[in-house]
Every structure is written in C-alpha cells, then in structure tokens.
PDB file of N, CA and C in Angstrom:
ATOM      1  N   MET A   1      30.271 103.433  76.167  1.00  0.00           N
ATOM      2  CA  MET A   1      29.616 104.663  75.525  1.00  0.00           C
ATOM      3  C   MET A   1      30.577 104.876  74.392  1.00  0.00           C
ATOM      4  N   ASN A   2      29.450 105.429  73.309  1.00  0.00           N
ATOM      5  CA  ASN A   2      30.101 105.556  71.711  1.00  0.00           C
ATOM      6  C   ASN A   2      30.619 107.303  71.852  1.00  0.00           C
ATOM      7  N   ALA A   3      31.940 107.846  71.970  1.00  0.00           N
ATOM      8  CA  ALA A   3      32.205 109.009  72.430  1.00  0.00           C
ATOM      9  C   ALA A   3      33.521 109.283  71.370  1.00  0.00           C
ATOM     10  N   ASP A   4      33.969 110.302  70.723  1.00  0.00           N
ATOM     11  CA  ASP A   4      35.081 110.273  70.203  1.00  0.00           C
ATOM     12  C   ASP A   4      35.891 109.940  71.860  1.00  0.00           C
ATOM     13  N   PRO A   5      36.991 109.334  70.633  1.00  0.00           N
ATOM     14  CA  PRO A   5      38.852 108.996  71.125  1.00  0.00           C
ATOM     15  C   PRO A   5      38.867 110.270  72.487  1.00  0.00           C
ATOM     16  N   LYS A   6      38.490 111.254  71.785  1.00  0.00           N
ATOM     17  CA  LYS A   6      39.766 112.463  72.062  1.00  0.00           C
ATOM     18  C   LYS A   6      38.912 112.705  73.618  1.00  0.00           C
ATOM     19  N   SER A   7      37.829 112.223  73.914  1.00  0.00           N
ATOM     20  CA  SER A   7      37.285 112.752  75.033  1.00  0.00           C
ATOM     21  C   SER A   7      37.660 112.488  75.942  1.00  0.00           C
ATOM     22  N   PHE A   8      38.238 110.678  76.518  1.00  0.00           N
ATOM     23  CA  PHE A   8      39.464 110.221  76.673  1.00  0.00           C
ATOM     24  C   PHE A   8      40.369 109.747  77.473  1.00  0.00           C
ATOM     25  N   LYS A   9      40.732 111.879  76.869  1.00  0.00           N
ATOM     26  CA  LYS A   9      42.220 112.148  77.254  1.00  0.00           C
ATOM     27  C   LYS A   9      41.321 113.522  78.278  1.00  0.00           C
ATOM     28  N   PRO A  10      42.055 113.075  79.610  1.00  0.00           N
ATOM     29  CA  PRO A  10      41.865 114.449  80.399  1.00  0.00           C
ATOM     30  C   PRO A  10      43.291 115.449  80.238  1.00  0.00           C
ATOM     31  N   ARG A  11      42.536 116.670  80.496  1.00  0.00           N
ATOM     32  CA  ARG A  11      43.243 117.997  80.106  1.00  0.00           C
ATOM     33  C   ARG A  11      44.197 118.209  81.756  1.00  0.00           C
ATOM     34  N   ASN A  12      43.642 117.693  82.141  1.00  0.00           N
ATOM     35  CA  ASN A  12      44.020 117.707  83.510  1.00  0.00           C
ATOM     36  C   ASN A  12      43.188 117.207  84.936  1.00  0.00           C
ATOM     37  N   ILE A  13      44.377 116.166  86.154  1.00  0.00           N
ATOM     38  CA  ILE A  13      43.663 115.531  86.677  1.00  0.00           C
ATOM     39  C   ILE A  13      44.202 115.784  87.759  1.00  0.00           C
ATOM     40  N   ALA A  14      43.752 115.717  89.222  1.00  0.00           N
ATOM     41  CA  ALA A  14      43.736 116.767  90.128  1.00  0.00           C
ATOM     42  C   ALA A  14      43.503 116.082  91.419  1.00  0.00           C
ATOM     43  N   VAL A  15      44.063 116.085  92.428  1.00  0.00           N
ATOM     44  CA  VAL A  15      43.170 115.268  93.760  1.00  0.00           C
ATOM     45  C   VAL A  15      42.196 116.694  94.095  1.00  0.00           C
ATOM     46  N   PHE A  16      41.286 117.087  94.429  1.00  0.00           N
ATOM     47  CA  PHE A  16      39.760 117.506  95.321  1.00  0.00           C
ATOM     48  C   PHE A  16      39.263 116.646  96.251  1.00  0.00           C
ATOM     49  N   GLY A  17      40.027 117.392  97.703  1.00  0.00           N
ATOM     50  CA  GLY A  17      38.923 117.236  98.845  1.00  0.00           C
ATOM     51  C   GLY A  17      39.726 115.364  98.802  1.00  0.00           C
ATOM     52  N   ARG A  18      38.481 114.885  98.661  1.00  0.00           N
ATOM     53  CA  ARG A  18      38.162 113.157  98.860  1.00  0.00           C
ATOM     54  C   ARG A  18      38.127 112.352  97.269  1.00  0.00           C
ATOM     55  N   GLU A  19      38.307 113.295  96.431  1.00  0.00           N
ATOM     56  CA  GLU A  19      37.526 113.186  95.357  1.00  0.00           C
ATOM     57  C   GLU A  19      39.216 113.070  93.866  1.00  0.00           C
ATOM     58  N   LEU A  20      38.892 112.505  92.891  1.00  0.00           N
ATOM     59  CA  LEU A  20      39.754 112.660  91.726  1.00  0.00           C
ATOM     60  C   LEU A  20      39.317 113.407  90.798  1.00  0.00           C
ATOM     61  N   ALA A  21      39.682 114.700  90.439  1.00  0.00           N
ATOM     62  CA  ALA A  21      39.137 115.345  89.291  1.00  0.00           C
ATOM     63  C   ALA A  21      39.784 115.567  88.288  1.00  0.00           C
ATOM     64  N   LEU A  22      38.728 115.241  87.408  1.00  0.00           N
ATOM     65  CA  LEU A  22      39.345 115.214  85.658  1.00  0.00           C
ATOM     66  C   LEU A  22      38.601 116.214  85.069  1.00  0.00           C
ATOM     67  N   ALA A  23      39.492 116.677  84.216  1.00  0.00           N
ATOM     68  CA  ALA A  23      39.077 118.179  83.323  1.00  0.00           C
ATOM     69  C   ALA A  23      39.100 117.402  81.776  1.00  0.00           C
ATOM     70  N   TRP A  24      38.530 116.908  81.117  1.00  0.00           N
ATOM     71  CA  TRP A  24      38.977 116.609  80.303  1.00  0.00           C
ATOM     72  C   TRP A  24      38.618 116.978  78.683  1.00  0.00           C
ATOM     73  N   ALA A  25      39.060 116.351  78.171  1.00  0.00           N
ATOM     74  CA  ALA A  25      39.022 117.387  76.127  1.00  0.00           C
ATOM     75  C   ALA A  25      38.116 118.010  75.816  1.00  0.00           C
ATOM     76  N   ASP A  26      37.056 117.619  76.380  1.00  0.00           N
ATOM     77  CA  ASP A  26      36.024 117.507  75.419  1.00  0.00           C
ATOM     78  C   ASP A  26      34.994 118.771  76.492  1.00  0.00           C
ATOM     79  N   GLY A  27      35.801 119.230  77.621  1.00  0.00           N
ATOM     80  CA  GLY A  27      34.956 120.024  78.413  1.00  0.00           C
ATOM     81  C   GLY A  27      34.511 119.808  79.699  1.00  0.00           C
ATOM     82  N   HIS A  28      34.543 118.283  79.581  1.00  0.00           N
ATOM     83  CA  HIS A  28      33.186 117.965  80.493  1.00  0.00           C
ATOM     84  C   HIS A  28      34.289 117.227  81.844  1.00  0.00           C
ATOM     85  N   GLU A  29      33.909 117.797  83.072  1.00  0.00           N
ATOM     86  CA  GLU A  29      34.770 117.304  84.050  1.00  0.00           C
ATOM     87  C   GLU A  29      34.080 116.140  84.878  1.00  0.00           C
ATOM     88  N   SER A  30      34.962 115.335  85.428  1.00  0.00           N
ATOM     89  CA  SER A  30      34.473 114.283  86.832  1.00  0.00           C
ATOM     90  C   SER A  30      35.127 114.500  87.609  1.00  0.00           C
ATOM     91  N   TYR A  31      34.179 113.918  89.255  1.00  0.00           N
ATOM     92  CA  TYR A  31      34.906 113.835  89.730  1.00  0.00           C
ATOM     93  C   TYR A  31      35.013 112.573  90.723  1.00  0.00           C
ATOM     94  N   LEU A  32      35.683 111.486  91.138  1.00  0.00           N
ATOM     95  CA  LEU A  32      35.261 110.570  90.934  1.00  0.00           C
ATOM     96  C   LEU A  32      35.619 110.331  93.229  1.00  0.00           C
ATOM     97  N   PRO A  33      34.519 110.099  93.723  1.00  0.00           N
ATOM     98  CA  PRO A  33      35.471 109.775  95.013  1.00  0.00           C
ATOM     99  C   PRO A  33      35.957 108.348  95.467  1.00  0.00           C
ATOM    100  N   PHE A  34      37.257 108.571  96.355  1.00  0.00           N
ATOM    101  CA  PHE A  34      38.172 108.163  96.194  1.00  0.00           C
ATOM    102  C   PHE A  34      37.854 106.255  97.179  1.00  0.00           C
ATOM    103  N   ASP A  35      36.696 106.091  97.586  1.00  0.00           N
ATOM    104  CA  ASP A  35      36.593 105.180  98.603  1.00  0.00           C
ATOM    105  C   ASP A  35      35.467 104.058  97.021  1.00  0.00           C
ATOM    106  N   ASP A  36      35.146 104.945  96.365  1.00  0.00           N
ATOM    107  CA  ASP A  36      34.427 104.075  94.664  1.00  0.00           C
ATOM    108  C   ASP A  36      35.522 104.153  93.874  1.00  0.00           C
ATOM    109  N   LEU A  37      36.126 105.057  94.023  1.00  0.00           N
ATOM    110  CA  LEU A  37      37.788 104.122  93.163  1.00  0.00           C
ATOM    111  C   LEU A  37      38.596 102.934  93.418  1.00  0.00           C
ATOM    112  N   ARG A  38      38.743 102.960  94.956  1.00  0.00           N
ATOM    113  CA  ARG A  38      39.149 101.758  95.445  1.00  0.00           C
ATOM    114  C   ARG A  38      38.754 101.021  95.804  1.00  0.00           C
ATOM    115  N   ARG A  39      37.763 100.758  95.946  1.00  0.00           N
ATOM    116  CA  ARG A  39      36.334  99.990  95.493  1.00  0.00           C
ATOM    117  C   ARG A  39      37.012  99.172  94.594  1.00  0.00           C
ATOM    118  N   ALA A  40      36.535 100.229  93.433  1.00  0.00           N
ATOM    119  CA  ALA A  40      36.911  99.519  91.374  1.00  0.00           C
ATOM    120  C   ALA A  40      38.158  99.113  90.968  1.00  0.00           C
ATOM    121  N   CYS A  41      39.083  99.060  92.175  1.00  0.00           N
ATOM    122  CA  CYS A  41      40.547  98.608  91.138  1.00  0.00           C
ATOM    123  C   CYS A  41      40.717  97.481  90.386  1.00  0.00           C
ATOM    124  N   PRO A  42      40.817  98.083  89.130  1.00  0.00           N
ATOM    125  CA  PRO A  42      41.219  97.412  88.085  1.00  0.00           C
ATOM    126  C   PRO A  42      42.458  96.035  88.508  1.00  0.00           C
ATOM    127  N   CYS A  43      43.232  96.127  88.758  1.00  0.00           N
ATOM    128  CA  CYS A  43      44.704  94.987  88.800  1.00  0.00           C
ATOM    129  C   CYS A  43      43.347  93.938  88.929  1.00  0.00           C
ATOM    130  N   ALA A  44      44.953  92.677  88.587  1.00  0.00           N
ATOM    131  CA  ALA A  44      44.357  91.226  88.999  1.00  0.00           C
ATOM    132  C   ALA A  44      44.229  90.483  90.349  1.00  0.00           C
ATOM    133  N   MET A  45      44.794  91.150  91.308  1.00  0.00           N
ATOM    134  CA  MET A  45      44.987  90.669  92.427  1.00  0.00           C
ATOM    135  C   MET A  45      43.138  91.703  93.019  1.00  0.00           C
ATOM    136  N   CYS A  46      43.068  92.484  92.651  1.00  0.00           N
ATOM    137  CA  CYS A  46      41.709  93.133  93.433  1.00  0.00           C
ATOM    138  C   CYS A  46      40.144  92.546  92.474  1.00  0.00           C
ATOM    139  N   ARG A  47      40.429  92.145  91.399  1.00  0.00           N
ATOM    140  CA  ARG A  47      39.629  91.785  90.720  1.00  0.00           C
ATOM    141  C   ARG A  47      39.232  90.442  91.164  1.00  0.00           C
ATOM    142  N   GLY A  48      40.678  89.312  90.670  1.00  0.00           N
ATOM    143  CA  GLY A  48      39.832  87.772  91.417  1.00  0.00           C
ATOM    144  C   GLY A  48      40.368  86.918  90.048  1.00  0.00           C
ATOM    145  N   THR A  49      40.900  87.982  89.485  1.00  0.00           N
ATOM    146  CA  THR A  49      40.391  87.276  87.601  1.00  0.00           C
ATOM    147  C   THR A  49      42.219  86.531  87.353  1.00  0.00           C
ATOM    148  N   HIS A  50      42.994  87.248  88.002  1.00  0.00           N
ATOM    149  CA  HIS A  50      44.430  86.223  87.695  1.00  0.00           C
ATOM    150  C   HIS A  50      45.495  85.942  88.992  1.00  0.00           C
ATOM    151  N   GLU A  51      45.976  84.290  88.490  1.00  0.00           N
ATOM    152  CA  GLU A  51      46.920  84.597  89.905  1.00  0.00           C
ATOM    153  C   GLU A  51      48.054  85.388  89.753  1.00  0.00           C
ATOM    154  N   PRO A  52      48.273  86.079  91.082  1.00  0.00           N
ATOM    155  CA  PRO A  52      49.725  86.647  90.213  1.00  0.00           C
ATOM    156  C   PRO A  52      51.593  86.338  89.356  1.00  0.00           C
ATOM    157  N   ALA A  53      51.846  86.695  89.086  1.00  0.00           N
ATOM    158  CA  ALA A  53      52.761  86.360  88.407  1.00  0.00           C
ATOM    159  C   ALA A  53      53.872  86.168  88.708  1.00  0.00           C
ATOM    160  N   ALA A  54      54.125  86.821  90.055  1.00  0.00           N
ATOM    161  CA  ALA A  54      55.372  86.175  90.995  1.00  0.00           C
ATOM    162  C   ALA A  54      54.259  86.869  92.764  1.00  0.00           C
ATOM    163  N   ALA A  55      54.891  85.975  93.495  1.00  0.00           N
ATOM    164  CA  ALA A  55      54.847  85.764  94.860  1.00  0.00           C
ATOM    165  C   ALA A  55      54.613  87.086  95.641  1.00  0.00           C
ATOM    166  N   PRO A  56      53.273  87.472  96.178  1.00  0.00           N
ATOM    167  CA  PRO A  56      53.903  89.333  97.011  1.00  0.00           C
ATOM    168  C   PRO A  56      55.055  89.231  97.882  1.00  0.00           C
ATOM    169  N   ASP A  57      55.678  90.041  97.976  1.00  0.00           N
ATOM    170  CA  ASP A  57      56.527  90.511  98.564  1.00  0.00           C
ATOM    171  C   ASP A  57      56.098  90.489 100.138  1.00  0.00           C
ATOM    172  N   PRO A  58      56.836  89.087 100.952  1.00  0.00           N
ATOM    173  CA  PRO A  58      55.973  89.074 102.240  1.00  0.00           C
ATOM    174  C   PRO A  58      56.328  90.312 103.199  1.00  0.00           C
ATOM    175  N   LEU A  59      57.510  91.301 102.888  1.00  0.00           N
ATOM    176  CA  LEU A  59      57.495  92.350 103.718  1.00  0.00           C
ATOM    177  C   LEU A  59      56.894  93.314 103.526  1.00  0.00           C
ATOM    178  N   ARG A  60      56.496  93.255 102.197  1.00  0.00           N
ATOM    179  CA  ARG A  60      55.487  94.969 102.053  1.00  0.00           C
ATOM    180  C   ARG A  60      53.915  94.829 102.840  1.00  0.00           C
ATOM    181  N   ILE A  61      53.563  95.755 103.460  1.00  0.00           N
ATOM    182  CA  ILE A  61      52.432  95.749 104.463  1.00  0.00           C
ATOM    183  C   ILE A  61      51.618  96.916 103.432  1.00  0.00           C
ATOM    184  N   VAL A  62      50.425  95.895 103.361  1.00  0.00           N
ATOM    185  CA  VAL A  62      49.147  96.502 102.503  1.00  0.00           C
ATOM    186  C   VAL A  62      47.787  96.420 103.197  1.00  0.00           C
ATOM    187  N   LYS A  63      47.237  97.772 103.810  1.00  0.00           N
ATOM    188  CA  LYS A  63      46.613  97.620 104.981  1.00  0.00           C
ATOM    189  C   LYS A  63      45.401  97.233 104.372  1.00  0.00           C
ATOM    190  N   ALA A  64      44.133  96.793 104.624  1.00  0.00           N
ATOM    191  CA  ALA A  64      42.457  96.297 103.949  1.00  0.00           C
ATOM    192  C   ALA A  64      41.991  97.747 103.962  1.00  0.00           C
ATOM    193  N   PRO A  65      41.521  98.500 102.904  1.00  0.00           N
ATOM    194  CA  PRO A  65      41.190  99.604 102.692  1.00  0.00           C
ATOM    195  C   PRO A  65      39.880 100.592 103.888  1.00  0.00           C
ATOM    196  N   VAL A  66      39.752 100.898 104.179  1.00  0.00           N
ATOM    197  CA  VAL A  66      38.871 101.582 105.234  1.00  0.00           C
ATOM    198  C   VAL A  66      37.987 102.889 104.846  1.00  0.00           C
ATOM    199  N   ALA A  67      37.086 102.476 104.644  1.00  0.00           N
ATOM    200  CA  ALA A  67      36.317 103.694 103.558  1.00  0.00           C
ATOM    201  C   ALA A  67      36.013 104.790 104.642  1.00  0.00           C
ATOM    202  N   GLY A  68      36.217 106.099 103.875  1.00  0.00           N
ATOM    203  CA  GLY A  68      36.880 107.293 104.307  1.00  0.00           C
ATOM    204  C   GLY A  68      38.086 107.977 104.784  1.00  0.00           C
ATOM    205  N   GLN A  69      38.912 106.964 104.936  1.00  0.00           N
ATOM    206  CA  GLN A  69      39.968 106.871 104.921  1.00  0.00           C
ATOM    207  C   GLN A  69      41.318 106.843 104.277  1.00  0.00           C
ATOM    208  N   VAL A  70      40.929 105.882 103.481  1.00  0.00           N
ATOM    209  CA  VAL A  70      41.639 105.805 102.364  1.00  0.00           C
ATOM    210  C   VAL A  70      42.185 107.236 101.083  1.00  0.00           C
ATOM    211  N   ALA A  71      42.999 108.135 100.790  1.00  0.00           N
ATOM    212  CA  ALA A  71      43.722 108.854  99.947  1.00  0.00           C
ATOM    213  C   ALA A  71      44.345 108.552  98.920  1.00  0.00           C
ATOM    214  N   ILE A  72      44.466 108.972  98.037  1.00  0.00           N
ATOM    215  CA  ILE A  72      45.497 108.871  97.055  1.00  0.00           C
ATOM    216  C   ILE A  72      47.036 109.799  97.496  1.00  0.00           C
ATOM    217  N   ALA A  73      48.073 108.992  97.364  1.00  0.00           N
ATOM    218  CA  ALA A  73      49.013 108.964  98.123  1.00  0.00           C
ATOM    219  C   ALA A  73      49.868 109.928  96.691  1.00  0.00           C
ATOM    220  N   LYS A  74      49.446 108.636  95.317  1.00  0.00           N
ATOM    221  CA  LYS A  74      50.276 109.914  94.326  1.00  0.00           C
ATOM    222  C   LYS A  74      49.601 109.101  93.070  1.00  0.00           C
ATOM    223  N   LEU A  75      50.132 110.003  91.681  1.00  0.00           N
ATOM    224  CA  LEU A  75      49.226 109.675  90.983  1.00  0.00           C
ATOM    225  C   LEU A  75      50.784 109.628  89.615  1.00  0.00           C
ATOM    226  N   VAL A  76      50.884 108.491  89.126  1.00  0.00           N
ATOM    227  CA  VAL A  76      51.645 108.012  88.369  1.00  0.00           C
ATOM    228  C   VAL A  76      51.044 107.193  86.630  1.00  0.00           C
ATOM    229  N   PRO A  77      51.383 108.693  85.570  1.00  0.00           N
ATOM    230  CA  PRO A  77      50.790 108.383  84.072  1.00  0.00           C
ATOM    231  C   PRO A  77      51.563 107.552  83.527  1.00  0.00           C
ATOM    232  N   VAL A  78      50.679 106.714  83.025  1.00  0.00           N
ATOM    233  CA  VAL A  78      51.020 105.659  82.421  1.00  0.00           C
ATOM    234  C   VAL A  78      50.405 105.468  80.558  1.00  0.00           C
ATOM    235  N   GLY A  79      51.858 105.765  80.057  1.00  0.00           N
ATOM    236  CA  GLY A  79      51.283 106.660  79.247  1.00  0.00           C
ATOM    237  C   GLY A  79      50.517 107.227  78.475  1.00  0.00           C
ATOM    238  N   SER A  80      50.058 107.060  77.325  1.00  0.00           N
ATOM    239  CA  SER A  80      49.096 108.659  77.014  1.00  0.00           C
ATOM    240  C   SER A  80      47.338 107.817  77.626  1.00  0.00           C
ATOM    241  N   TYR A  81      47.044 106.393  78.229  1.00  0.00           N
ATOM    242  CA  TYR A  81      45.833 105.986  78.129  1.00  0.00           C
ATOM    243  C   TYR A  81      45.258 105.619  79.619  1.00  0.00           C
ATOM    244  N   ALA A  82      46.261 106.118  80.759  1.00  0.00           N
ATOM    245  CA  ALA A  82      46.054 105.621  81.830  1.00  0.00           C
ATOM    246  C   ALA A  82      46.633 106.277  82.822  1.00  0.00           C
ATOM    247  N   VAL A  83      46.429 106.133  84.826  1.00  0.00           N
ATOM    248  CA  VAL A  83      46.971 106.503  85.278  1.00  0.00           C
ATOM    249  C   VAL A  83      46.937 105.669  86.540  1.00  0.00           C
ATOM    250  N   GLN A  84      48.507 105.601  87.130  1.00  0.00           N
ATOM    251  CA  GLN A  84      48.504 104.202  88.131  1.00  0.00           C
ATOM    252  C   GLN A  84      47.731 105.494  89.574  1.00  0.00           C
ATOM    253  N   ILE A  85      47.309 104.750  90.108  1.00  0.00           N
ATOM    254  CA  ILE A  85      47.243 105.369  91.422  1.00  0.00           C
ATOM    255  C   ILE A  85      48.061 104.644  92.417  1.00  0.00           C
ATOM    256  N   VAL A  86      48.797 105.189  93.189  1.00  0.00           N
ATOM    257  CA  VAL A  86      49.535 104.400  94.701  1.00  0.00           C
ATOM    258  C   VAL A  86      48.482 105.431  95.913  1.00  0.00           C
ATOM    259  N   TRP A  87      47.975 104.286  96.777  1.00  0.00           N
ATOM    260  CA  TRP A  87      46.720 104.893  97.535  1.00  0.00           C
ATOM    261  C   TRP A  87      47.603 104.793  98.836  1.00  0.00           C
ATOM    262  N   SER A  88      47.125 105.385  99.777  1.00  0.00           N
ATOM    263  CA  SER A  88      47.448 105.228 101.244  1.00  0.00           C
ATOM    264  C   SER A  88      47.715 104.270 102.084  1.00  0.00           C
ATOM    265  N   ASP A  89      47.099 103.269 101.493  1.00  0.00           N
ATOM    266  CA  ASP A  89      46.702 101.964 102.185  1.00  0.00           C
ATOM    267  C   ASP A  89      47.929 100.592 101.691  1.00  0.00           C
ATOM    268  N   GLY A  90      48.839 101.203 101.085  1.00  0.00           N
ATOM    269  CA  GLY A  90      49.897 100.947 100.581  1.00  0.00           C
ATOM    270  C   GLY A  90      49.961 100.116  98.870  1.00  0.00           C
ATOM    271  N   HIS A  91      48.588  99.855  98.425  1.00  0.00           N
ATOM    272  CA  HIS A  91      47.933  99.326  97.484  1.00  0.00           C
ATOM    273  C   HIS A  91      48.783 100.352  96.372  1.00  0.00           C
ATOM    274  N   ASP A  92      49.171  99.828  94.969  1.00  0.00           N
ATOM    275  CA  ASP A  92      49.772 100.785  94.191  1.00  0.00           C
ATOM    276  C   ASP A  92      49.549 100.334  92.737  1.00  0.00           C
ATOM    277  N   THR A  93      48.867  98.568  92.500  1.00  0.00           N
ATOM    278  CA  THR A  93      48.944  97.421  91.122  1.00  0.00           C
ATOM    279  C   THR A  93      47.758  98.399  90.760  1.00  0.00           C
ATOM    280  N   GLY A  94      47.139  98.868  90.797  1.00  0.00           N
ATOM    281  CA  GLY A  94      46.293  99.513  89.439  1.00  0.00           C
ATOM    282  C   GLY A  94      46.531 100.377  89.094  1.00  0.00           C
ATOM    283  N   ILE A  95      46.206 100.186  87.709  1.00  0.00           N
ATOM    284  CA  ILE A  95      46.060 100.939  86.341  1.00  0.00           C
ATOM    285  C   ILE A  95      45.017 101.404  86.136  1.00  0.00           C
ATOM    286  N   TYR A  96      44.299 102.429  86.111  1.00  0.00           N
ATOM    287  CA  TYR A  96      43.196 102.899  85.657  1.00  0.00           C
ATOM    288  C   TYR A  96      43.577 103.603  84.021  1.00  0.00           C
ATOM    289  N   ALA A  97      42.315 102.721  83.612  1.00  0.00           N
ATOM    290  CA  ALA A  97      42.484 103.345  82.061  1.00  0.00           C
ATOM    291  C   ALA A  97      41.407 104.276  81.535  1.00  0.00           C
ATOM    292  N   PHE A  98      41.981 105.774  81.247  1.00  0.00           N
ATOM    293  CA  PHE A  98      40.741 107.180  81.284  1.00  0.00           C
ATOM    294  C   PHE A  98      39.948 106.808  80.850  1.00  0.00           C
ATOM    295  N   GLU A  99      39.457 105.954  79.623  1.00  0.00           N
ATOM    296  CA  GLU A  99      37.916 105.303  79.262  1.00  0.00           C
ATOM    297  C   GLU A  99      37.071 105.107  80.314  1.00  0.00           C
ATOM    298  N   SER A 100      37.821 103.865  81.380  1.00  0.00           N
ATOM    299  CA  SER A 100      37.097 103.167  82.327  1.00  0.00           C
ATOM    300  C   SER A 100      36.646 104.349  83.211  1.00  0.00           C
ATOM    301  N   LEU A 101      37.662 105.812  83.552  1.00  0.00           N
ATOM    302  CA  LEU A 101      37.414 106.408  84.332  1.00  0.00           C
ATOM    303  C   LEU A 101      36.180 107.221  83.938  1.00  0.00           C
ATOM    304  N   ARG A 102      36.523 108.046  82.556  1.00  0.00           N
ATOM    305  CA  ARG A 102      34.802 108.791  81.522  1.00  0.00           C
ATOM    306  C   ARG A 102      34.087 107.609  82.040  1.00  0.00           C
ATOM    307  N   GLU A 103      33.730 106.998  81.738  1.00  0.00           N
ATOM    308  CA  GLU A 103      33.007 106.000  81.911  1.00  0.00           C
ATOM    309  C   GLU A 103      32.648 105.855  83.806  1.00  0.00           C
ATOM    310  N   ALA A 104      32.827 106.108  84.288  1.00  0.00           N
ATOM    311  CA  ALA A 104      32.870 105.978  85.818  1.00  0.00           C
ATOM    312  C   ALA A 104      32.477 106.924  86.268  1.00  0.00           C
ATOM    313  N   CYS A 105      32.218 108.048  85.286  1.00  0.00           N
ATOM    314  CA  CYS A 105      31.715 109.702  85.993  1.00  0.00           C
ATOM    315  C   CYS A 105      30.247 109.621  86.277  1.00  0.00           C
ATOM    316  N   PRO A 106      30.009 109.549  87.693  1.00  0.00           N
ATOM    317  CA  PRO A 106      28.893 109.581  88.358  1.00  0.00           C
ATOM    318  C   PRO A 106      27.752 110.302  88.158  1.00  0.00           C
ATOM    319  N   CYS A 107      28.231 111.966  87.197  1.00  0.00           N
ATOM    320  CA  CYS A 107      27.382 112.705  86.483  1.00  0.00           C
ATOM    321  C   CYS A 107      25.819 112.501  86.756  1.00  0.00           C
ATOM    322  N   PRO A 108      24.794 112.903  86.769  1.00  0.00           N
ATOM    323  CA  PRO A 108      23.724 112.219  86.092  1.00  0.00           C
ATOM    324  C   PRO A 108      23.558 112.022  84.462  1.00  0.00           C
ATOM    325  N   ASP A 109      24.076 112.875  83.674  1.00  0.00           N
ATOM    326  CA  ASP A 109      24.046 113.166  82.383  1.00  0.00           C
ATOM    327  C   ASP A 109      25.125 111.479  82.090  1.00  0.00           C
ATOM    328  N   CYS A 110      26.618 111.570  82.464  1.00  0.00           N
ATOM    329  CA  CYS A 110      27.110 110.396  82.074  1.00  0.00           C
ATOM    330  C   CYS A 110      26.427 108.944  82.824  1.00  0.00           C
ATOM    331  N   ARG A 111      25.821 109.152  83.720  1.00  0.00           N
ATOM    332  CA  ARG A 111      25.165 107.660  83.847  1.00  0.00           C
ATOM    333  C   ARG A 111      24.008 107.556  82.682  1.00  0.00           C
ATOM    334  N   ARG A 112      23.162 108.775  82.355  1.00  0.00           N
ATOM    335  CA  ARG A 112      21.768 108.392  81.376  1.00  0.00           C
ATOM    336  C   ARG A 112      22.838 107.645  80.210  1.00  0.00           C
ATOM    337  N   ARG A 113      23.950 108.521  80.456  1.00  0.00           N
ATOM    338  CA  ARG A 113      24.157 108.079  78.683  1.00  0.00           C
ATOM    339  C   ARG A 113      24.578 106.880  78.905  1.00  0.00           C
ATOM    340  N   ASN A 114      25.384 106.435  80.197  1.00  0.00           N
ATOM    341  CA  ASN A 114      26.087 104.745  80.083  1.00  0.00           C
ATOM    342  C   ASN A 114      25.513 103.925  80.368  1.00  0.00           C
ATOM    343  N   GLY A 115      23.584 104.249  80.764  1.00  0.00           N
ATOM    344  CA  GLY A 115      22.715 103.155  80.786  1.00  0.00           C
ATOM    345  C   GLY A 115      22.394 102.990  82.762  1.00  0.00           C
ATOM    346  N   GLY A 116      23.026 104.035  82.948  1.00  0.00           N
ATOM    347  CA  GLY A 116      22.869 103.612  84.770  1.00  0.00           C
ATOM    348  C   GLY A 116      21.755 104.501  85.087  1.00  0.00           C
ATOM    349  N   ALA A 117      21.263 104.926  86.461  1.00  0.00           N
ATOM    350  CA  ALA A 117      20.204 105.640  86.997  1.00  0.00           C
ATOM    351  C   ALA A 117      20.530 106.961  87.075  1.00  0.00           C
ATOM    352  N   SER A 118      19.494 107.666  86.747  1.00  0.00           N
ATOM    353  CA  SER A 118      19.873 109.322  87.177  1.00  0.00           C
ATOM    354  C   SER A 118      20.226 109.702  88.343  1.00  0.00           C
TER     355      SER A 118
END
C-alpha cells in the first residue's frame, strides 16, 4: 500500500461487537473480524517461521481457537507502531503492526487499493 505513513497511525482502537475497530488518522475506519485476526496472528509460533527462543511454559494452557468463540481479552500498545492482542484462548504473543492492520482492512476501497477482489 502506498499511503502516507500517518495513515498507519490509529486515532482510536476499540472492540466493537466481534470486531476490532480502528479509526485512522486520515479519517478512514477499519473493522477487522476477530476470527480473521486470530487466524492471521503474526507471531513466530503461529506462522511457523522460527523456532521458539525458549521452550513454552508447560503449565500454560492455550486452547485452540474456535471460530466464532475467540475474543479479544486485552489490547496492549507496543510503542507507536503496533498493538499486542491477548486472546480469550490464552494466546498473547502476536504483535500486530498498525501498517499490517491497515492493509488488512476488508472494506471494498481498501481491497481494491491493495490489489484484492472487491
């Protein structure tokens, strides 16, 4: 996406129903469904691209995400570039860059601009 870097800065982030709602600095709004976000978790464990740096805690329970049931339990800011999502299934290692969240916007205008189907 070729956009002004300011467009990747949300003015507001909120949970709205079963979606993560982002109001962007350029006035655009994105509504990202929980299931899509959880499925697209960018962490190394979910992407399978790297070995974990340390063995997972054997006492920590993380349930497999169930479509329609996973929810956001907590949002944690990460610097000025991302948000960490703590999921109701116990998963909390995904850091979602604002740029990636903007590019994931499912609205027809963004999909067209990003080369996806309308």
